[in-house]
Amino acid sequence: MKFDEQERTALTDAGFSVADNSKAAYVEAVVVIAPYDAETYWLTFALPNDAKIVCVVPRDQIADAITDNHAARRNQLQ
């Protein structure tokens, strides 16, 4: 899958760098994680154009992702 021209333009306008093959986009953003309730976190991404993206993510998925990533990095260092 690739970004279409409209998506590519929207991403660029939001401050993303879009790969030449339109398969990926990159942006440096501030990410804030906050508990929403007993089962979910809110992830808020503050973009360079002052827009925000908010995602609601199950707590167990965040914990697994952080733990798995940490374990993978630790194994690479050993």
N, C-alpha and C. Protein backbone atom coordinates (compact mmCIF):
# COMPACT_ATOMS: atom_id res chain seq x y z
N MET A 1 0.83 -1.18 0.00
CA MET A 1 0.00 0.00 0.00
C MET A 1 0.88 1.24 0.00
N LYS A 2 0.37 2.26 -0.63
CA LYS A 2 1.05 3.56 -0.67
C LYS A 2 0.06 4.66 -0.30
N PHE A 3 0.59 5.79 0.14
CA PHE A 3 -0.25 6.97 0.35
C PHE A 3 -0.65 7.50 -1.02
N ASP A 4 -1.94 7.87 -1.15
CA ASP A 4 -2.33 8.51 -2.39
C ASP A 4 -1.91 9.98 -2.34
N GLU A 5 -2.11 10.70 -3.42
CA GLU A 5 -1.63 12.09 -3.48
C GLU A 5 -2.29 12.98 -2.43
N GLN A 6 -3.57 12.77 -2.17
CA GLN A 6 -4.27 13.57 -1.15
C GLN A 6 -3.70 13.28 0.24
N GLU A 7 -3.46 12.01 0.54
CA GLU A 7 -2.88 11.65 1.83
C GLU A 7 -1.46 12.21 1.96
N ARG A 8 -0.71 12.08 0.88
CA ARG A 8 0.67 12.59 0.88
C ARG A 8 0.68 14.09 1.15
N THR A 9 -0.21 14.84 0.53
CA THR A 9 -0.31 16.28 0.74
C THR A 9 -0.69 16.58 2.18
N ALA A 10 -1.66 15.87 2.72
CA ALA A 10 -2.09 16.10 4.11
C ALA A 10 -0.95 15.81 5.08
N LEU A 11 -0.22 14.73 4.85
CA LEU A 11 0.91 14.40 5.71
C LEU A 11 1.99 15.48 5.64
N THR A 12 2.30 15.90 4.44
CA THR A 12 3.32 16.94 4.25
C THR A 12 2.89 18.24 4.93
N ASP A 13 1.62 18.60 4.78
CA ASP A 13 1.10 19.81 5.43
C ASP A 13 1.17 19.72 6.96
N ALA A 14 1.09 18.50 7.49
CA ALA A 14 1.15 18.29 8.94
C ALA A 14 2.59 18.23 9.44
N GLY A 15 3.55 18.32 8.54
CA GLY A 15 4.95 18.33 8.95
C GLY A 15 5.69 17.02 8.75
N PHE A 16 5.03 16.03 8.16
CA PHE A 16 5.68 14.74 7.91
C PHE A 16 6.60 14.83 6.71
N SER A 17 7.64 14.02 6.73
CA SER A 17 8.45 13.76 5.54
C SER A 17 7.95 12.45 4.96
N VAL A 18 7.56 12.45 3.71
CA VAL A 18 7.01 11.26 3.09
C VAL A 18 8.09 10.65 2.19
N ALA A 19 8.29 9.35 2.31
CA ALA A 19 9.29 8.66 1.51
C ALA A 19 8.97 8.79 0.03
N ASP A 20 10.01 8.76 -0.79
CA ASP A 20 9.83 8.89 -2.24
C ASP A 20 8.89 7.84 -2.81
N ASN A 21 8.88 6.64 -2.21
CA ASN A 21 8.00 5.59 -2.71
C ASN A 21 6.59 5.67 -2.11
N SER A 22 6.34 6.66 -1.27
CA SER A 22 5.04 6.92 -0.64
C SER A 22 4.54 5.77 0.23
N LYS A 23 5.46 4.95 0.73
CA LYS A 23 5.05 3.83 1.58
C LYS A 23 5.21 4.13 3.07
N ALA A 24 5.86 5.23 3.40
CA ALA A 24 6.07 5.56 4.80
C ALA A 24 6.19 7.07 4.96
N ALA A 25 5.86 7.55 6.15
CA ALA A 25 6.00 8.96 6.48
C ALA A 25 6.63 9.06 7.86
N TYR A 26 7.42 10.10 8.07
CA TYR A 26 8.17 10.28 9.31
C TYR A 26 7.93 11.69 9.84
N VAL A 27 7.79 11.77 11.15
CA VAL A 27 7.68 13.07 11.80
C VAL A 27 8.22 12.95 13.21
N GLU A 28 8.89 13.99 13.68
CA GLU A 28 9.25 14.06 15.08
C GLU A 28 8.09 14.75 15.78
N ALA A 29 7.58 14.09 16.82
CA ALA A 29 6.42 14.63 17.51
C ALA A 29 6.57 14.40 19.01
N VAL A 30 5.89 15.22 19.77
CA VAL A 30 5.80 15.01 21.20
C VAL A 30 4.65 14.03 21.42
N VAL A 31 4.93 12.98 22.18
CA VAL A 31 3.91 11.97 22.47
C VAL A 31 3.64 11.99 23.96
N VAL A 32 2.38 12.13 24.32
CA VAL A 32 1.97 12.13 25.71
C VAL A 32 1.09 10.90 25.93
N ILE A 33 1.41 10.13 26.97
CA ILE A 33 0.59 8.97 27.32
C ILE A 33 -0.06 9.25 28.66
N ALA A 34 -1.36 8.99 28.75
CA ALA A 34 -2.09 9.25 29.99
C ALA A 34 -3.15 8.18 30.19
N PRO A 35 -3.32 7.73 31.42
CA PRO A 35 -4.39 6.77 31.69
C PRO A 35 -5.75 7.43 31.47
N TYR A 36 -6.62 6.72 30.79
CA TYR A 36 -7.97 7.23 30.54
C TYR A 36 -8.95 6.60 31.53
N ASP A 37 -8.86 5.28 31.64
CA ASP A 37 -9.68 4.56 32.61
C ASP A 37 -8.91 3.30 32.99
N ALA A 38 -9.57 2.36 33.66
CA ALA A 38 -8.89 1.17 34.13
C ALA A 38 -8.38 0.28 33.00
N GLU A 39 -8.90 0.46 31.79
CA GLU A 39 -8.55 -0.43 30.69
C GLU A 39 -7.80 0.23 29.54
N THR A 40 -7.76 1.56 29.50
CA THR A 40 -7.19 2.21 28.31
C THR A 40 -6.27 3.39 28.67
N TYR A 41 -5.37 3.66 27.73
CA TYR A 41 -4.54 4.86 27.75
C TYR A 41 -4.92 5.73 26.58
N TRP A 42 -4.71 7.01 26.71
CA TRP A 42 -4.78 7.94 25.58
C TRP A 42 -3.36 8.26 25.19
N LEU A 43 -3.06 8.12 23.91
CA LEU A 43 -1.79 8.58 23.36
C LEU A 43 -2.10 9.82 22.54
N THR A 44 -1.44 10.92 22.86
CA THR A 44 -1.64 12.16 22.11
C THR A 44 -0.34 12.53 21.43
N PHE A 45 -0.39 12.69 20.12
CA PHE A 45 0.76 13.07 19.31
C PHE A 45 0.58 14.53 18.91
N ALA A 46 1.47 15.39 19.36
CA ALA A 46 1.44 16.81 19.00
C ALA A 46 2.34 17.00 17.77
N LEU A 47 1.76 17.39 16.65
CA LEU A 47 2.48 17.52 15.39
C LEU A 47 3.04 18.92 15.21
N PRO A 48 4.03 19.06 14.32
CA PRO A 48 4.65 20.38 14.10
C PRO A 48 3.68 21.47 13.66
N ASN A 49 2.57 21.11 13.01
CA ASN A 49 1.63 22.14 12.56
C ASN A 49 0.58 22.46 13.62
N ASP A 50 0.84 22.08 14.86
CA ASP A 50 -0.04 22.30 16.01
C ASP A 50 -1.27 21.41 16.02
N ALA A 51 -1.39 20.50 15.08
CA ALA A 51 -2.48 19.52 15.11
C ALA A 51 -2.13 18.44 16.14
N LYS A 52 -3.15 17.72 16.58
CA LYS A 52 -2.95 16.62 17.51
C LYS A 52 -3.68 15.39 17.00
N ILE A 53 -3.06 14.25 17.20
CA ILE A 53 -3.68 12.96 16.92
C ILE A 53 -3.85 12.27 18.25
N VAL A 54 -5.06 11.80 18.54
CA VAL A 54 -5.32 11.11 19.80
C VAL A 54 -5.77 9.69 19.49
N CYS A 55 -5.12 8.74 20.15
CA CYS A 55 -5.47 7.32 19.99
C CYS A 55 -5.82 6.77 21.36
N VAL A 56 -6.84 5.94 21.41
CA VAL A 56 -7.18 5.22 22.63
C VAL A 56 -6.66 3.80 22.46
N VAL A 57 -5.80 3.36 23.39
CA VAL A 57 -5.13 2.07 23.27
C VAL A 57 -5.33 1.27 24.55
N PRO A 58 -5.65 -0.02 24.42
CA PRO A 58 -5.77 -0.85 25.62
C PRO A 58 -4.46 -0.86 26.42
N ARG A 59 -4.58 -0.77 27.75
CA ARG A 59 -3.41 -0.72 28.62
C ARG A 59 -2.50 -1.93 28.41
N ASP A 60 -3.07 -3.11 28.25
CA ASP A 60 -2.22 -4.30 28.11
C ASP A 60 -1.38 -4.25 26.83
N GLN A 61 -1.90 -3.64 25.77
CA GLN A 61 -1.12 -3.54 24.53
C GLN A 61 0.06 -2.59 24.71
N ILE A 62 -0.13 -1.50 25.43
CA ILE A 62 0.97 -0.56 25.67
C ILE A 62 2.03 -1.24 26.53
N ALA A 63 1.60 -1.89 27.60
CA ALA A 63 2.56 -2.57 28.48
C ALA A 63 3.34 -3.63 27.71
N ASP A 64 2.65 -4.41 26.88
CA ASP A 64 3.33 -5.44 26.08
C ASP A 64 4.31 -4.82 25.11
N ALA A 65 3.92 -3.74 24.45
CA ALA A 65 4.80 -3.10 23.47
C ALA A 65 6.05 -2.54 24.14
N ILE A 66 5.88 -1.90 25.28
CA ILE A 66 7.03 -1.35 26.00
C ILE A 66 7.92 -2.47 26.49
N THR A 67 7.34 -3.50 27.08
CA THR A 67 8.11 -4.62 27.61
C THR A 67 8.82 -5.37 26.50
N ASP A 68 8.12 -5.65 25.39
CA ASP A 68 8.72 -6.37 24.27
C ASP A 68 9.85 -5.57 23.66
N ASN A 69 9.67 -4.28 23.49
CA ASN A 69 10.70 -3.42 22.90
C ASN A 69 11.91 -3.36 23.82
N HIS A 70 11.68 -3.22 25.10
CA HIS A 70 12.79 -3.16 26.05
C HIS A 70 13.56 -4.48 26.04
N ALA A 71 12.85 -5.60 26.03
CA ALA A 71 13.51 -6.91 26.01
C ALA A 71 14.31 -7.10 24.73
N ALA A 72 13.78 -6.65 23.61
CA ALA A 72 14.48 -6.78 22.33
C ALA A 72 15.75 -5.94 22.34
N ARG A 73 15.68 -4.72 22.85
CA ARG A 73 16.87 -3.86 22.90
C ARG A 73 17.91 -4.45 23.85
N ARG A 74 17.46 -4.97 24.98
CA ARG A 74 18.38 -5.54 25.96
C ARG A 74 19.11 -6.73 25.34
N ASN A 75 18.38 -7.57 24.59
CA ASN A 75 19.00 -8.73 23.95
C ASN A 75 20.01 -8.30 22.89
N GLN A 76 19.77 -7.20 22.19
CA GLN A 76 20.71 -6.72 21.19
C GLN A 76 22.00 -6.25 21.83
N LEU A 77 21.94 -5.74 23.05
CA LEU A 77 23.12 -5.24 23.73
C LEU A 77 23.96 -6.34 24.34
N GLN A 78 23.36 -7.49 24.57
CA GLN A 78 24.09 -8.59 25.22
C GLN A 78 24.89 -9.39 24.23
